[in-house]
Amino acid sequence: MTKQFFLGIAALLATLIATPVFAQSDVPEESAYALQNMFAVTRDKLWECNDKFWHRGEYERCIAMMRLITQVDPHDMDAYDNGAWLMQNQLRDEDAEAFLLDGLPGNSDTYDIYFALGYFYYIHERPDEAIDYLAIAVTLEPPMFAWHTLAHAYEYAGDVDSALSVWTLRAAVDPDNPVPHIQIDRIMSGEPPSDTPGMVSRAREERKARAGIQ
């Protein structure tokens, strides 16, 4: 079967998802299982196509694959993460933000999409928006780094008290983890916050300048 065949199937499945009759009908169990299998096979084949494009450096085609994958499987957070990263790498920050926001309705019960959006806003020097999403992410059983990013976002926004509160909470929850203790000591000694957002922003502006993008 050709790549074009799977792209056609992906488009058909995406159309089915958006069809009200399909969404509201009682689909027999066997038919539902067959459809799920078709979705899974199509998604996997699209990932295979993406790998080929990636190794050839055809990143815009990779982005197209990520869009198709999320149409077939709106819960595929790897596609949202990879697609948004590629868009940013192509200096398409607005597209990356919109793509992540598109993933929110289908993934609102897990930390992943909230963290992805929070981190996006953090590295784009929009700490207040980052805090909004990261504060939700940490309520959904995230890994430790989500809490760490929230603390950094608070500090970058100038809210040192909230940053310290997060680090203190994490130190109490996970006393063997040295990171919260190191960060508390750093803040108490008056050292500045992480400049990760600034470094990313400067690198992005330099790339735009080289590419002649205003």
N, C-alpha and C. Protein backbone atom coordinates (compact mmCIF):
# COMPACT_ATOMS: atom_id res chain seq x y z
N MET A 1 0.84 -1.20 0.00
CA MET A 1 0.00 0.00 0.00
C MET A 1 0.87 1.24 0.00
N THR A 2 0.46 2.26 -0.74
CA THR A 2 1.28 3.44 -0.91
C THR A 2 1.02 4.47 0.18
N LYS A 3 1.96 5.42 0.26
CA LYS A 3 1.79 6.54 1.20
C LYS A 3 0.50 7.29 0.88
N GLN A 4 0.20 7.48 -0.43
CA GLN A 4 -0.99 8.22 -0.81
C GLN A 4 -2.26 7.53 -0.31
N PHE A 5 -2.23 6.17 -0.30
CA PHE A 5 -3.39 5.43 0.19
C PHE A 5 -3.64 5.76 1.66
N PHE A 6 -2.58 5.73 2.46
CA PHE A 6 -2.75 5.98 3.89
C PHE A 6 -3.13 7.43 4.17
N LEU A 7 -2.62 8.35 3.34
CA LEU A 7 -3.02 9.74 3.51
C LEU A 7 -4.50 9.91 3.18
N GLY A 8 -4.96 9.17 2.17
CA GLY A 8 -6.38 9.22 1.83
C GLY A 8 -7.24 8.65 2.94
N ILE A 9 -6.79 7.54 3.53
CA ILE A 9 -7.53 6.94 4.65
C ILE A 9 -7.56 7.90 5.82
N ALA A 10 -6.44 8.55 6.08
CA ALA A 10 -6.39 9.50 7.20
C ALA A 10 -7.39 10.62 7.00
N ALA A 11 -7.45 11.14 5.77
CA ALA A 11 -8.40 12.22 5.50
C ALA A 11 -9.83 11.73 5.65
N LEU A 12 -10.10 10.51 5.20
CA LEU A 12 -11.45 9.94 5.34
C LEU A 12 -11.83 9.78 6.80
N LEU A 13 -10.90 9.25 7.60
CA LEU A 13 -11.19 9.07 9.02
C LEU A 13 -11.41 10.40 9.71
N ALA A 14 -10.62 11.39 9.34
CA ALA A 14 -10.80 12.72 9.93
C ALA A 14 -12.18 13.26 9.60
N THR A 15 -12.65 13.01 8.37
CA THR A 15 -14.00 13.44 7.99
C THR A 15 -15.05 12.71 8.81
N LEU A 16 -14.85 11.41 9.01
CA LEU A 16 -15.80 10.63 9.81
C LEU A 16 -15.90 11.15 11.23
N ILE A 17 -14.74 11.50 11.81
CA ILE A 17 -14.74 12.01 13.18
C ILE A 17 -15.61 13.25 13.29
N ALA A 18 -15.56 14.09 12.27
CA ALA A 18 -16.27 15.36 12.32
C ALA A 18 -17.73 15.25 11.90
N THR A 19 -18.17 14.06 11.50
CA THR A 19 -19.54 13.88 11.05
C THR A 19 -20.48 13.67 12.23
N PRO A 20 -21.48 14.54 12.43
CA PRO A 20 -22.37 14.42 13.58
C PRO A 20 -23.08 13.07 13.65
N VAL A 21 -23.49 12.53 12.50
CA VAL A 21 -24.20 11.25 12.51
C VAL A 21 -23.31 10.15 13.07
N PHE A 22 -22.04 10.16 12.65
CA PHE A 22 -21.10 9.16 13.14
C PHE A 22 -20.88 9.32 14.64
N ALA A 23 -20.75 10.55 15.10
CA ALA A 23 -20.46 10.80 16.50
C ALA A 23 -21.61 10.41 17.40
N GLN A 24 -22.87 10.54 16.89
CA GLN A 24 -24.04 10.32 17.73
C GLN A 24 -24.64 8.93 17.60
N SER A 25 -24.23 8.17 16.57
CA SER A 25 -24.84 6.86 16.35
C SER A 25 -24.30 5.83 17.32
N ASP A 26 -25.14 4.82 17.57
CA ASP A 26 -24.70 3.66 18.34
C ASP A 26 -24.01 2.69 17.39
N VAL A 27 -22.70 2.67 17.42
CA VAL A 27 -21.93 1.81 16.52
C VAL A 27 -21.81 0.42 17.15
N PRO A 28 -22.15 -0.64 16.41
CA PRO A 28 -22.00 -1.99 16.96
C PRO A 28 -20.57 -2.22 17.45
N GLU A 29 -20.45 -3.06 18.48
CA GLU A 29 -19.15 -3.26 19.11
C GLU A 29 -18.11 -3.76 18.11
N GLU A 30 -18.48 -4.72 17.26
CA GLU A 30 -17.52 -5.25 16.30
C GLU A 30 -17.07 -4.18 15.30
N SER A 31 -18.03 -3.35 14.87
CA SER A 31 -17.69 -2.28 13.93
C SER A 31 -16.79 -1.25 14.60
N ALA A 32 -17.09 -0.94 15.86
CA ALA A 32 -16.26 0.02 16.59
C ALA A 32 -14.84 -0.50 16.74
N TYR A 33 -14.71 -1.79 17.02
CA TYR A 33 -13.38 -2.39 17.17
C TYR A 33 -12.62 -2.33 15.85
N ALA A 34 -13.33 -2.61 14.73
CA ALA A 34 -12.69 -2.57 13.41
C ALA A 34 -12.24 -1.15 13.09
N LEU A 35 -13.08 -0.16 13.44
CA LEU A 35 -12.71 1.22 13.20
C LEU A 35 -11.49 1.63 14.03
N GLN A 36 -11.47 1.20 15.28
CA GLN A 36 -10.33 1.50 16.14
C GLN A 36 -9.05 0.92 15.57
N ASN A 37 -9.15 -0.31 15.03
CA ASN A 37 -7.99 -0.94 14.40
C ASN A 37 -7.52 -0.12 13.20
N MET A 38 -8.49 0.34 12.40
CA MET A 38 -8.15 1.13 11.22
C MET A 38 -7.48 2.43 11.62
N PHE A 39 -8.00 3.07 12.67
CA PHE A 39 -7.38 4.29 13.16
C PHE A 39 -5.95 4.02 13.59
N ALA A 40 -5.74 2.94 14.35
CA ALA A 40 -4.40 2.64 14.88
C ALA A 40 -3.42 2.34 13.76
N VAL A 41 -3.85 1.55 12.77
CA VAL A 41 -2.98 1.21 11.64
C VAL A 41 -2.61 2.46 10.85
N THR A 42 -3.62 3.31 10.60
CA THR A 42 -3.37 4.54 9.85
C THR A 42 -2.41 5.45 10.59
N ARG A 43 -2.66 5.61 11.91
CA ARG A 43 -1.77 6.45 12.72
C ARG A 43 -0.33 5.94 12.67
N ASP A 44 -0.15 4.62 12.81
CA ASP A 44 1.20 4.06 12.80
C ASP A 44 1.88 4.26 11.45
N LYS A 45 1.11 4.12 10.39
CA LYS A 45 1.69 4.31 9.05
C LYS A 45 2.08 5.77 8.83
N LEU A 46 1.27 6.68 9.36
CA LEU A 46 1.63 8.09 9.25
C LEU A 46 2.91 8.39 10.01
N TRP A 47 3.10 7.75 11.15
CA TRP A 47 4.36 7.92 11.89
C TRP A 47 5.53 7.38 11.07
N GLU A 48 5.32 6.28 10.37
CA GLU A 48 6.38 5.73 9.51
C GLU A 48 6.74 6.72 8.40
N CYS A 49 5.70 7.33 7.80
CA CYS A 49 5.96 8.35 6.78
C CYS A 49 6.73 9.51 7.38
N ASN A 50 6.34 9.91 8.57
CA ASN A 50 7.02 11.01 9.24
C ASN A 50 8.50 10.71 9.45
N ASP A 51 8.81 9.49 9.87
CA ASP A 51 10.22 9.11 10.09
C ASP A 51 11.03 9.27 8.80
N LYS A 52 10.45 8.87 7.68
CA LYS A 52 11.16 9.00 6.41
C LYS A 52 11.39 10.48 6.07
N PHE A 53 10.36 11.30 6.25
CA PHE A 53 10.51 12.73 6.00
C PHE A 53 11.57 13.34 6.92
N TRP A 54 11.55 12.91 8.19
CA TRP A 54 12.50 13.45 9.17
C TRP A 54 13.94 13.18 8.74
N HIS A 55 14.21 11.94 8.33
CA HIS A 55 15.58 11.57 7.96
C HIS A 55 16.02 12.25 6.67
N ARG A 56 15.06 12.72 5.88
CA ARG A 56 15.39 13.45 4.66
C ARG A 56 15.43 14.96 4.90
N GLY A 57 15.14 15.37 6.14
CA GLY A 57 15.15 16.80 6.46
C GLY A 57 13.96 17.55 5.90
N GLU A 58 12.88 16.85 5.60
CA GLU A 58 11.69 17.48 5.02
C GLU A 58 10.73 17.83 6.17
N TYR A 59 11.07 18.88 6.90
CA TYR A 59 10.38 19.16 8.16
C TYR A 59 8.96 19.69 7.97
N GLU A 60 8.72 20.40 6.88
CA GLU A 60 7.35 20.85 6.65
C GLU A 60 6.42 19.67 6.39
N ARG A 61 6.94 18.65 5.74
CA ARG A 61 6.13 17.44 5.55
C ARG A 61 5.92 16.72 6.88
N CYS A 62 6.92 16.76 7.74
CA CYS A 62 6.73 16.19 9.08
C CYS A 62 5.60 16.90 9.81
N ILE A 63 5.57 18.22 9.70
CA ILE A 63 4.50 18.99 10.34
C ILE A 63 3.15 18.58 9.78
N ALA A 64 3.09 18.39 8.47
CA ALA A 64 1.83 17.93 7.86
C ALA A 64 1.42 16.57 8.41
N MET A 65 2.41 15.68 8.63
CA MET A 65 2.11 14.38 9.20
C MET A 65 1.56 14.51 10.62
N MET A 66 2.16 15.42 11.41
CA MET A 66 1.68 15.62 12.78
C MET A 66 0.23 16.10 12.79
N ARG A 67 -0.09 16.97 11.87
CA ARG A 67 -1.47 17.45 11.79
C ARG A 67 -2.43 16.31 11.45
N LEU A 68 -2.03 15.47 10.50
CA LEU A 68 -2.88 14.34 10.13
C LEU A 68 -3.03 13.35 11.29
N ILE A 69 -1.92 13.08 11.97
CA ILE A 69 -1.97 12.13 13.08
C ILE A 69 -2.93 12.61 14.15
N THR A 70 -2.91 13.91 14.45
CA THR A 70 -3.82 14.39 15.49
C THR A 70 -5.27 14.40 15.03
N GLN A 71 -5.49 14.40 13.72
CA GLN A 71 -6.86 14.24 13.23
C GLN A 71 -7.33 12.80 13.41
N VAL A 72 -6.43 11.86 13.16
CA VAL A 72 -6.76 10.45 13.33
C VAL A 72 -6.85 10.07 14.81
N ASP A 73 -5.91 10.59 15.59
CA ASP A 73 -5.88 10.29 17.02
C ASP A 73 -5.64 11.59 17.80
N PRO A 74 -6.73 12.27 18.21
CA PRO A 74 -6.58 13.55 18.90
C PRO A 74 -5.97 13.45 20.28
N HIS A 75 -5.68 12.20 20.73
CA HIS A 75 -5.05 12.01 22.03
C HIS A 75 -3.54 11.72 21.91
N ASP A 76 -3.01 11.80 20.70
CA ASP A 76 -1.59 11.49 20.49
C ASP A 76 -0.75 12.71 20.86
N MET A 77 -0.35 12.79 22.12
CA MET A 77 0.40 13.95 22.59
C MET A 77 1.79 14.03 21.98
N ASP A 78 2.36 12.90 21.57
CA ASP A 78 3.67 12.95 20.90
C ASP A 78 3.57 13.77 19.62
N ALA A 79 2.43 13.61 18.91
CA ALA A 79 2.26 14.37 17.67
C ALA A 79 2.12 15.85 17.96
N TYR A 80 1.37 16.20 19.00
CA TYR A 80 1.25 17.62 19.36
C TYR A 80 2.60 18.19 19.78
N ASP A 81 3.32 17.46 20.64
CA ASP A 81 4.63 17.94 21.11
C ASP A 81 5.61 18.09 19.94
N ASN A 82 5.71 17.03 19.13
CA ASN A 82 6.67 17.07 18.02
C ASN A 82 6.29 18.12 16.98
N GLY A 83 4.98 18.20 16.69
CA GLY A 83 4.53 19.17 15.70
C GLY A 83 4.82 20.60 16.14
N ALA A 84 4.51 20.90 17.41
CA ALA A 84 4.75 22.25 17.92
C ALA A 84 6.24 22.57 17.94
N TRP A 85 7.06 21.58 18.30
CA TRP A 85 8.52 21.80 18.32
C TRP A 85 9.03 22.09 16.91
N LEU A 86 8.55 21.31 15.95
CA LEU A 86 8.99 21.52 14.57
C LEU A 86 8.55 22.88 14.05
N MET A 87 7.33 23.28 14.38
CA MET A 87 6.85 24.59 13.94
C MET A 87 7.73 25.70 14.52
N GLN A 88 8.07 25.58 15.79
CA GLN A 88 8.95 26.59 16.38
C GLN A 88 10.33 26.56 15.74
N ASN A 89 10.81 25.36 15.42
CA ASN A 89 12.11 25.24 14.76
C ASN A 89 12.10 25.89 13.39
N GLN A 90 10.89 25.92 12.77
CA GLN A 90 10.73 26.58 11.47
C GLN A 90 10.32 28.04 11.64
N LEU A 91 10.44 28.56 12.88
CA LEU A 91 10.12 29.95 13.20
C LEU A 91 8.65 30.26 12.95
N ARG A 92 7.81 29.29 13.24
CA ARG A 92 6.36 29.44 13.10
C ARG A 92 5.73 29.36 14.49
N ASP A 93 6.08 30.31 15.34
CA ASP A 93 5.64 30.26 16.73
C ASP A 93 4.12 30.36 16.87
N GLU A 94 3.50 31.22 16.08
CA GLU A 94 2.05 31.38 16.18
C GLU A 94 1.34 30.08 15.79
N ASP A 95 1.84 29.40 14.77
CA ASP A 95 1.25 28.12 14.38
C ASP A 95 1.42 27.08 15.49
N ALA A 96 2.59 27.10 16.13
CA ALA A 96 2.84 26.15 17.21
C ALA A 96 1.87 26.37 18.36
N GLU A 97 1.67 27.61 18.73
CA GLU A 97 0.73 27.92 19.81
C GLU A 97 -0.68 27.47 19.45
N ALA A 98 -1.11 27.78 18.24
CA ALA A 98 -2.46 27.40 17.80
C ALA A 98 -2.62 25.88 17.77
N PHE A 99 -1.57 25.18 17.34
CA PHE A 99 -1.62 23.72 17.27
C PHE A 99 -1.79 23.11 18.66
N LEU A 100 -1.03 23.62 19.62
CA LEU A 100 -1.16 23.12 20.99
C LEU A 100 -2.54 23.44 21.56
N LEU A 101 -3.04 24.62 21.29
CA LEU A 101 -4.38 24.97 21.78
C LEU A 101 -5.45 24.07 21.15
N ASP A 102 -5.23 23.67 19.90
CA ASP A 102 -6.16 22.73 19.26
C ASP A 102 -6.20 21.39 19.99
N GLY A 103 -5.08 21.04 20.63
CA GLY A 103 -5.02 19.76 21.33
C GLY A 103 -5.64 19.77 22.70
N LEU A 104 -6.01 20.94 23.20
CA LEU A 104 -6.52 21.04 24.56
C LEU A 104 -7.86 20.34 24.77
N PRO A 105 -8.86 20.52 23.90
CA PRO A 105 -10.16 19.90 24.16
C PRO A 105 -10.11 18.37 24.28
N GLY A 106 -9.27 17.72 23.48
CA GLY A 106 -9.21 16.26 23.51
C GLY A 106 -8.30 15.69 24.58
N ASN A 107 -7.58 16.54 25.30
CA ASN A 107 -6.61 16.04 26.27
C ASN A 107 -6.68 16.79 27.60
N SER A 108 -7.85 17.33 27.91
CA SER A 108 -7.99 18.20 29.08
C SER A 108 -7.95 17.45 30.40
N ASP A 109 -7.91 16.11 30.35
CA ASP A 109 -7.89 15.34 31.60
C ASP A 109 -6.49 14.82 31.94
N THR A 110 -5.48 15.25 31.19
CA THR A 110 -4.11 14.83 31.48
C THR A 110 -3.20 16.06 31.57
N TYR A 111 -2.08 15.90 32.23
CA TYR A 111 -1.18 17.03 32.44
C TYR A 111 -0.48 17.46 31.16
N ASP A 112 -0.33 16.54 30.19
CA ASP A 112 0.59 16.74 29.07
C ASP A 112 0.34 18.03 28.30
N ILE A 113 -0.91 18.26 27.89
CA ILE A 113 -1.18 19.42 27.04
C ILE A 113 -1.03 20.71 27.83
N TYR A 114 -1.39 20.68 29.11
CA TYR A 114 -1.23 21.88 29.94
C TYR A 114 0.26 22.19 30.14
N PHE A 115 1.05 21.14 30.33
CA PHE A 115 2.49 21.38 30.47
C PHE A 115 3.07 21.89 29.16
N ALA A 116 2.67 21.29 28.04
CA ALA A 116 3.20 21.72 26.75
C ALA A 116 2.91 23.20 26.51
N LEU A 117 1.68 23.62 26.81
CA LEU A 117 1.33 25.02 26.63
C LEU A 117 2.08 25.91 27.64
N GLY A 118 2.14 25.45 28.90
CA GLY A 118 2.84 26.23 29.91
C GLY A 118 4.30 26.42 29.57
N TYR A 119 4.95 25.36 29.10
CA TYR A 119 6.37 25.47 28.75
C TYR A 119 6.54 26.36 27.53
N PHE A 120 5.62 26.25 26.57
CA PHE A 120 5.68 27.12 25.39
C PHE A 120 5.67 28.59 25.83
N TYR A 121 4.72 28.94 26.69
CA TYR A 121 4.62 30.34 27.13
C TYR A 121 5.83 30.74 27.98
N TYR A 122 6.35 29.81 28.76
CA TYR A 122 7.51 30.12 29.59
C TYR A 122 8.72 30.49 28.74
N ILE A 123 9.03 29.67 27.73
CA ILE A 123 10.22 29.95 26.92
C ILE A 123 9.98 31.10 25.93
N HIS A 124 8.72 31.52 25.80
CA HIS A 124 8.43 32.69 24.96
C HIS A 124 8.23 33.94 25.81
N GLU A 125 8.73 33.88 27.03
CA GLU A 125 8.72 35.04 27.93
C GLU A 125 7.32 35.57 28.17
N ARG A 126 6.39 34.65 28.37
CA ARG A 126 5.01 35.00 28.71
C ARG A 126 4.67 34.25 30.00
N PRO A 127 5.33 34.62 31.11
CA PRO A 127 5.23 33.81 32.33
C PRO A 127 3.84 33.75 32.95
N ASP A 128 3.06 34.82 32.83
CA ASP A 128 1.72 34.78 33.43
C ASP A 128 0.85 33.73 32.76
N GLU A 129 0.93 33.63 31.43
CA GLU A 129 0.19 32.59 30.73
C GLU A 129 0.77 31.21 31.04
N ALA A 130 2.07 31.14 31.17
CA ALA A 130 2.70 29.87 31.54
C ALA A 130 2.18 29.38 32.88
N ILE A 131 2.09 30.28 33.84
CA ILE A 131 1.61 29.91 35.18
C ILE A 131 0.18 29.39 35.11
N ASP A 132 -0.66 30.03 34.30
CA ASP A 132 -2.06 29.60 34.19
C ASP A 132 -2.15 28.12 33.81
N TYR A 133 -1.35 27.70 32.84
CA TYR A 133 -1.43 26.32 32.36
C TYR A 133 -0.65 25.36 33.26
N LEU A 134 0.49 25.79 33.74
CA LEU A 134 1.30 24.91 34.60
C LEU A 134 0.60 24.65 35.93
N ALA A 135 -0.15 25.64 36.43
CA ALA A 135 -0.88 25.46 37.69
C ALA A 135 -1.95 24.38 37.55
N ILE A 136 -2.48 24.22 36.35
CA ILE A 136 -3.43 23.13 36.10
C ILE A 136 -2.68 21.81 35.93
N ALA A 137 -1.57 21.86 35.21
CA ALA A 137 -0.80 20.64 34.96
C ALA A 137 -0.42 19.94 36.26
N VAL A 138 -0.03 20.72 37.29
CA VAL A 138 0.45 20.09 38.52
C VAL A 138 -0.69 19.48 39.35
N THR A 139 -1.94 19.70 38.94
CA THR A 139 -3.06 19.05 39.64
C THR A 139 -3.39 17.69 39.04
N LEU A 140 -2.68 17.31 37.97
CA LEU A 140 -3.03 16.11 37.21
C LEU A 140 -1.93 15.05 37.26
N GLU A 141 -1.32 14.90 38.41
CA GLU A 141 -0.30 13.88 38.65
C GLU A 141 0.83 13.93 37.62
N PRO A 142 1.49 15.07 37.51
CA PRO A 142 2.55 15.20 36.52
C PRO A 142 3.87 14.69 37.08
N PRO A 143 4.88 14.53 36.22
CA PRO A 143 6.24 14.26 36.71
C PRO A 143 6.80 15.48 37.41
N MET A 144 7.88 15.29 38.12
CA MET A 144 8.47 16.34 38.94
C MET A 144 8.80 17.60 38.14
N PHE A 145 9.25 17.43 36.89
CA PHE A 145 9.71 18.61 36.14
C PHE A 145 8.59 19.62 35.90
N ALA A 146 7.34 19.18 35.92
CA ALA A 146 6.25 20.15 35.75
C ALA A 146 6.20 21.12 36.92
N TRP A 147 6.39 20.59 38.14
CA TRP A 147 6.44 21.44 39.32
C TRP A 147 7.64 22.40 39.24
N HIS A 148 8.77 21.88 38.80
CA HIS A 148 9.97 22.70 38.69
C HIS A 148 9.75 23.86 37.71
N THR A 149 9.11 23.56 36.58
CA THR A 149 8.86 24.60 35.59
C THR A 149 7.90 25.65 36.13
N LEU A 150 6.91 25.21 36.89
CA LEU A 150 5.98 26.16 37.51
C LEU A 150 6.73 27.10 38.45
N ALA A 151 7.61 26.55 39.26
CA ALA A 151 8.39 27.39 40.18
C ALA A 151 9.24 28.39 39.41
N HIS A 152 9.88 27.95 38.35
CA HIS A 152 10.70 28.87 37.54
C HIS A 152 9.83 29.96 36.90
N ALA A 153 8.63 29.57 36.45
CA ALA A 153 7.73 30.56 35.83
C ALA A 153 7.31 31.61 36.85
N TYR A 154 6.98 31.17 38.06
CA TYR A 154 6.63 32.13 39.11
C TYR A 154 7.78 33.12 39.33
N GLU A 155 8.98 32.59 39.43
CA GLU A 155 10.12 33.47 39.71
C GLU A 155 10.37 34.41 38.54
N TYR A 156 10.25 33.91 37.32
CA TYR A 156 10.48 34.74 36.15
C TYR A 156 9.43 35.85 36.07
N ALA A 157 8.23 35.57 36.61
CA ALA A 157 7.17 36.57 36.63
C ALA A 157 7.35 37.57 37.77
N GLY A 158 8.33 37.32 38.63
CA GLY A 158 8.59 38.22 39.75
C GLY A 158 7.91 37.83 41.04
N ASP A 159 7.22 36.69 41.03
CA ASP A 159 6.52 36.22 42.23
C ASP A 159 7.42 35.24 42.97
N VAL A 160 8.39 35.76 43.67
CA VAL A 160 9.39 34.92 44.34
C VAL A 160 8.76 34.12 45.47
N ASP A 161 7.79 34.70 46.17
CA ASP A 161 7.14 33.99 47.28
C ASP A 161 6.47 32.70 46.79
N SER A 162 5.75 32.79 45.67
CA SER A 162 5.09 31.60 45.13
C SER A 162 6.11 30.58 44.65
N ALA A 163 7.20 31.05 44.06
CA ALA A 163 8.26 30.14 43.63
C ALA A 163 8.83 29.39 44.82
N LEU A 164 9.11 30.12 45.89
CA LEU A 164 9.63 29.48 47.10
C LEU A 164 8.63 28.49 47.68
N SER A 165 7.36 28.82 47.63
CA SER A 165 6.33 27.92 48.15
C SER A 165 6.33 26.60 47.38
N VAL A 166 6.47 26.69 46.06
CA VAL A 166 6.49 25.46 45.25
C VAL A 166 7.73 24.64 45.58
N TRP A 167 8.90 25.28 45.63
CA TRP A 167 10.13 24.54 45.94
C TRP A 167 10.07 23.92 47.34
N THR A 168 9.50 24.65 48.29
CA THR A 168 9.39 24.13 49.66
C THR A 168 8.45 22.93 49.71
N LEU A 169 7.35 23.01 48.98
CA LEU A 169 6.42 21.88 48.92
C LEU A 169 7.10 20.66 48.33
N ARG A 170 7.84 20.85 47.24
CA ARG A 170 8.50 19.71 46.59
C ARG A 170 9.60 19.13 47.48
N ALA A 171 10.28 19.98 48.22
CA ALA A 171 11.31 19.50 49.14
C ALA A 171 10.69 18.63 50.23
N ALA A 172 9.48 18.99 50.67
CA ALA A 172 8.80 18.21 51.70
C ALA A 172 8.28 16.89 51.14
N VAL A 173 7.78 16.93 49.91
CA VAL A 173 7.21 15.72 49.29
C VAL A 173 8.30 14.74 48.90
N ASP A 174 9.42 15.26 48.41
CA ASP A 174 10.51 14.42 47.91
C ASP A 174 11.84 14.89 48.51
N PRO A 175 12.05 14.63 49.81
CA PRO A 175 13.22 15.17 50.51
C PRO A 175 14.56 14.70 49.97
N ASP A 176 14.57 13.55 49.26
CA ASP A 176 15.84 13.04 48.73
C ASP A 176 16.23 13.70 47.40
N ASN A 177 15.33 14.46 46.82
CA ASN A 177 15.63 15.13 45.56
C ASN A 177 16.40 16.42 45.87
N PRO A 178 17.62 16.56 45.36
CA PRO A 178 18.43 17.74 45.71
C PRO A 178 17.98 19.03 45.03
N VAL A 179 17.23 18.93 43.93
CA VAL A 179 16.91 20.12 43.13
C VAL A 179 16.14 21.17 43.93
N PRO A 180 15.05 20.82 44.62
CA PRO A 180 14.35 21.87 45.37
C PRO A 180 15.23 22.56 46.41
N HIS A 181 16.07 21.80 47.09
CA HIS A 181 16.96 22.39 48.10
C HIS A 181 17.96 23.35 47.45
N ILE A 182 18.50 22.96 46.31
CA ILE A 182 19.44 23.82 45.60
C ILE A 182 18.76 25.13 45.18
N GLN A 183 17.53 25.01 44.69
CA GLN A 183 16.82 26.20 44.22
C GLN A 183 16.44 27.12 45.38
N ILE A 184 16.03 26.53 46.50
CA ILE A 184 15.71 27.34 47.68
C ILE A 184 16.95 28.11 48.14
N ASP A 185 18.07 27.42 48.22
CA ASP A 185 19.32 28.07 48.63
C ASP A 185 19.70 29.20 47.67
N ARG A 186 19.51 28.94 46.38
CA ARG A 186 19.85 29.96 45.37
C ARG A 186 18.99 31.21 45.56
N ILE A 187 17.68 31.01 45.72
CA ILE A 187 16.78 32.16 45.89
C ILE A 187 17.11 32.92 47.17
N MET A 188 17.33 32.18 48.25
CA MET A 188 17.59 32.83 49.54
C MET A 188 18.91 33.59 49.53
N SER A 189 19.84 33.18 48.67
CA SER A 189 21.13 33.88 48.59
C SER A 189 21.07 35.08 47.66
N GLY A 190 19.91 35.29 47.03
CA GLY A 190 19.73 36.46 46.17
C GLY A 190 20.18 36.29 44.74
N GLU A 191 20.47 35.06 44.32
CA GLU A 191 20.89 34.84 42.94
C GLU A 191 19.70 35.00 41.99
N PRO A 192 19.94 35.42 40.76
CA PRO A 192 18.84 35.68 39.83
C PRO A 192 18.17 34.40 39.35
N PRO A 193 16.97 34.53 38.80
CA PRO A 193 16.27 33.35 38.27
C PRO A 193 16.93 32.82 37.01
N SER A 194 16.52 31.64 36.59
CA SER A 194 17.02 31.07 35.35
C SER A 194 16.71 32.00 34.18
N ASP A 195 17.68 32.15 33.29
CA ASP A 195 17.49 33.00 32.12
C ASP A 195 17.15 32.18 30.88
N THR A 196 16.64 30.97 31.09
CA THR A 196 16.29 30.13 29.94
C THR A 196 15.36 30.84 28.96
N PRO A 197 14.27 31.49 29.43
CA PRO A 197 13.41 32.18 28.45
C PRO A 197 14.16 33.25 27.67
N GLY A 198 15.01 34.01 28.34
CA GLY A 198 15.77 35.05 27.66
C GLY A 198 16.72 34.49 26.62
N MET A 199 17.41 33.40 26.98
CA MET A 199 18.35 32.78 26.04
C MET A 199 17.63 32.24 24.82
N VAL A 200 16.48 31.59 25.05
CA VAL A 200 15.70 31.05 23.93
C VAL A 200 15.21 32.19 23.04
N SER A 201 14.73 33.26 23.68
CA SER A 201 14.21 34.40 22.92
C SER A 201 15.30 35.04 22.07
N ARG A 202 16.47 35.22 22.65
CA ARG A 202 17.58 35.84 21.89
C ARG A 202 18.00 34.95 20.72
N ALA A 203 18.07 33.64 20.97
CA ALA A 203 18.44 32.72 19.88
C ALA A 203 17.40 32.75 18.77
N ARG A 204 16.13 32.84 19.15
CA ARG A 204 15.06 32.89 18.16
C ARG A 204 15.15 34.17 17.33
N GLU A 205 15.39 35.30 17.99
CA GLU A 205 15.49 36.57 17.27
C GLU A 205 16.71 36.58 16.34
N GLU A 206 17.80 35.96 16.76
CA GLU A 206 18.98 35.88 15.91
C GLU A 206 18.69 35.05 14.66
N ARG A 207 17.96 33.95 14.85
CA ARG A 207 17.61 33.12 13.69
C ARG A 207 16.69 33.88 12.75
N LYS A 208 15.74 34.62 13.30
CA LYS A 208 14.84 35.41 12.46
C LYS A 208 15.61 36.47 11.68
N ALA A 209 16.57 37.09 12.34
CA ALA A 209 17.37 38.11 11.67
C ALA A 209 18.15 37.51 10.51
N ARG A 210 18.75 36.33 10.73
CA ARG A 210 19.52 35.67 9.67
C ARG A 210 18.61 35.27 8.51
N ALA A 211 17.35 34.93 8.85
CA ALA A 211 16.41 34.50 7.80
C ALA A 211 15.68 35.68 7.17
N GLY A 212 15.94 36.89 7.69
CA GLY A 212 15.29 38.06 7.12
C GLY A 212 13.82 38.18 7.49
N ILE A 213 13.45 37.58 8.64
CA ILE A 213 12.05 37.63 9.10
C ILE A 213 11.90 38.75 10.11
N GLN A 214 10.90 39.60 9.90
CA GLN A 214 10.65 40.72 10.81
C GLN A 214 9.92 40.24 12.06
